[in-house]
C-alpha atoms as a PDB file:
ATOM      1  CA  UNK A   1      19.826  44.313   2.051  1.00  0.00           C
ATOM      2  CA  UNK A   2      16.247  43.888   0.867  1.00  0.00           C
ATOM      3  CA  UNK A   3      16.958  40.279  -0.014  1.00  0.00           C
ATOM      4  CA  UNK A   4      17.966  39.534   3.589  1.00  0.00           C
ATOM      5  CA  UNK A   5      14.547  40.686   4.811  1.00  0.00           C
ATOM      6  CA  UNK A   6      12.825  38.479   2.236  1.00  0.00           C
ATOM      7  CA  UNK A   7      14.893  35.459   3.258  1.00  0.00           C
ATOM      8  CA  UNK A   8      14.250  36.078   6.968  1.00  0.00           C
ATOM      9  CA  UNK A   9      10.518  36.344   6.347  1.00  0.00           C
ATOM     10  CA  UNK A  10      10.526  33.170   4.245  1.00  0.00           C
ATOM     11  CA  UNK A  11      12.433  31.269   6.923  1.00  0.00           C
ATOM     12  CA  UNK A  12       9.961  32.452   9.587  1.00  0.00           C
ATOM     13  CA  UNK A  13       7.017  31.326   7.442  1.00  0.00           C
ATOM     14  CA  UNK A  14       8.666  27.949   6.906  1.00  0.00           C
ATOM     15  CA  UNK A  15       9.327  27.572  10.655  1.00  0.00           C
ATOM     16  CA  UNK A  16       5.704  28.432  11.486  1.00  0.00           C
ATOM     17  CA  UNK A  17       4.492  25.860   8.940  1.00  0.00           C
ATOM     18  CA  UNK A  18       6.766  23.193  10.438  1.00  0.00           C
ATOM     19  CA  UNK A  19       5.534  23.907  13.977  1.00  0.00           C
ATOM     20  CA  UNK A  20       1.913  23.836  12.769  1.00  0.00           C
ATOM     21  CA  UNK A  21       2.485  20.477  11.035  1.00  0.00           C
ATOM     22  CA  UNK A  22       4.040  19.027  14.205  1.00  0.00           C
ATOM     23  CA  UNK A  23       1.153  20.222  16.376  1.00  0.00           C
ATOM     24  CA  UNK A  24      -1.378  18.874  13.850  1.00  0.00           C
ATOM     25  CA  UNK A  25       0.336  15.460  13.829  1.00  0.00           C
ATOM     26  CA  UNK A  26       0.375  15.302  17.626  1.00  0.00           C
ATOM     27  CA  UNK A  27      -3.314  16.236  17.842  1.00  0.00           C
ATOM     28  CA  UNK A  28      -4.254  13.615  15.223  1.00  0.00           C
ATOM     29  CA  UNK A  29      -2.442  10.891  17.245  1.00  0.00           C
ATOM     30  CA  UNK A  30       0.142  10.172  14.569  1.00  0.00           C
ATOM     31  CA  UNK A  31       2.815   9.394  17.181  1.00  0.00           C
ATOM     32  CA  UNK A  32       0.782   7.176  19.535  1.00  0.00           C
ATOM     33  CA  UNK A  33       1.921   3.702  18.457  1.00  0.00           C
ATOM     34  CA  UNK A  34       5.292   3.595  16.743  1.00  0.00           C
ATOM     35  CA  UNK A  35       6.247  -0.013  17.603  1.00  0.00           C
ATOM     36  CA  UNK A  36       3.283  -2.148  16.484  1.00  0.00           C
ATOM     37  CA  UNK A  37       3.565  -1.508  12.725  1.00  0.00           C
ATOM     38  CA  UNK A  38       7.202  -2.598  12.816  1.00  0.00           C
ATOM     39  CA  UNK A  39       6.319  -5.941  14.420  1.00  0.00           C
ATOM     40  CA  UNK A  40       3.218  -6.630  12.317  1.00  0.00           C
ATOM     41  CA  UNK A  41       5.404  -7.945   9.481  1.00  0.00           C
ATOM     42  CA  UNK A  42       6.478 -10.824  11.738  1.00  0.00           C
ATOM     43  CA  UNK A  43       2.916 -12.065  12.357  1.00  0.00           C
ATOM     44  CA  UNK A  44       1.999 -15.301  10.618  1.00  0.00           C
ATOM     45  CA  UNK A  45      -1.028 -15.294   8.372  1.00  0.00           C
ATOM     46  CA  UNK A  46      -2.899 -18.578   8.602  1.00  0.00           C
ATOM     47  CA  UNK A  47      -5.309 -17.604   5.843  1.00  0.00           C
ATOM     48  CA  UNK A  48      -4.670 -18.939   2.349  1.00  0.00           C
ATOM     49  CA  UNK A  49      -3.459 -16.537  -0.263  1.00  0.00           C
ATOM     50  CA  UNK A  50      -6.630 -15.591  -2.133  1.00  0.00           C
ATOM     51  CA  UNK A  51      -4.759 -13.518  -4.676  1.00  0.00           C
ATOM     52  CA  UNK A  52      -2.987 -16.538  -6.171  1.00  0.00           C
ATOM     53  CA  UNK A  53      -3.838 -17.195  -9.774  1.00  0.00           C
ATOM     54  CA  UNK A  54      -5.741 -20.411 -10.292  1.00  0.00           C
ATOM     55  CA  UNK A  55      -5.065 -22.481 -13.421  1.00  0.00           C
ATOM     56  CA  UNK A  56      -7.839 -22.164 -15.981  1.00  0.00           C
ATOM     57  CA  UNK A  57     -10.472 -24.871 -15.842  1.00  0.00           C
ATOM     58  CA  UNK A  58     -11.193 -26.626 -19.127  1.00  0.00           C
ATOM     59  CA  UNK A  59     -14.792 -26.160 -20.200  1.00  0.00           C
ATOM     60  CA  UNK A  60     -16.194 -29.523 -21.341  1.00  0.00           C
ATOM     61  CA  UNK A  61     -19.799 -28.375 -21.740  1.00  0.00           C
ATOM     62  CA  UNK A  62     -19.105 -26.780 -25.134  1.00  0.00           C
ATOM     63  CA  UNK A  63     -17.193 -29.763 -26.526  1.00  0.00           C
ATOM     64  CA  UNK A  64     -18.226 -30.869 -29.994  1.00  0.00           C
ATOM     65  CA  UNK A  65     -19.537 -34.465 -29.797  1.00  0.00           C
ATOM     66  CA  UNK A  66     -18.745 -35.051 -33.465  1.00  0.00           C
ATOM     67  CA  UNK A  67     -15.089 -34.173 -32.996  1.00  0.00           C
ATOM     68  CA  UNK A  68     -12.786 -37.191 -32.900  1.00  0.00           C
ATOM     69  CA  UNK A  69     -10.783 -37.510 -29.757  1.00  0.00           C
ATOM     70  CA  UNK A  70      -7.196 -38.617 -30.088  1.00  0.00           C
ATOM     71  CA  UNK A  71      -6.105 -41.385 -27.797  1.00  0.00           C
ATOM     72  CA  UNK A  72      -2.439 -41.762 -26.994  1.00  0.00           C
ATOM     73  CA  UNK A  73      -1.075 -45.224 -26.516  1.00  0.00           C
END
């Protein structure tokens, strides 16, 4: 019978925590705009992708002038 009291108290504590979390979320405006984030994925971005990897640029300033260059025919 003692275990029933413990379980009832634990369930009441859990219910109070859930109600507190709901009230906190409402006061922090978590439920104000539920539709805009869903549609933001459909917006077109006209900006170029700046995270694209660019091919490495060959550095010609450190080229050895004495080195023979091979010409292909």
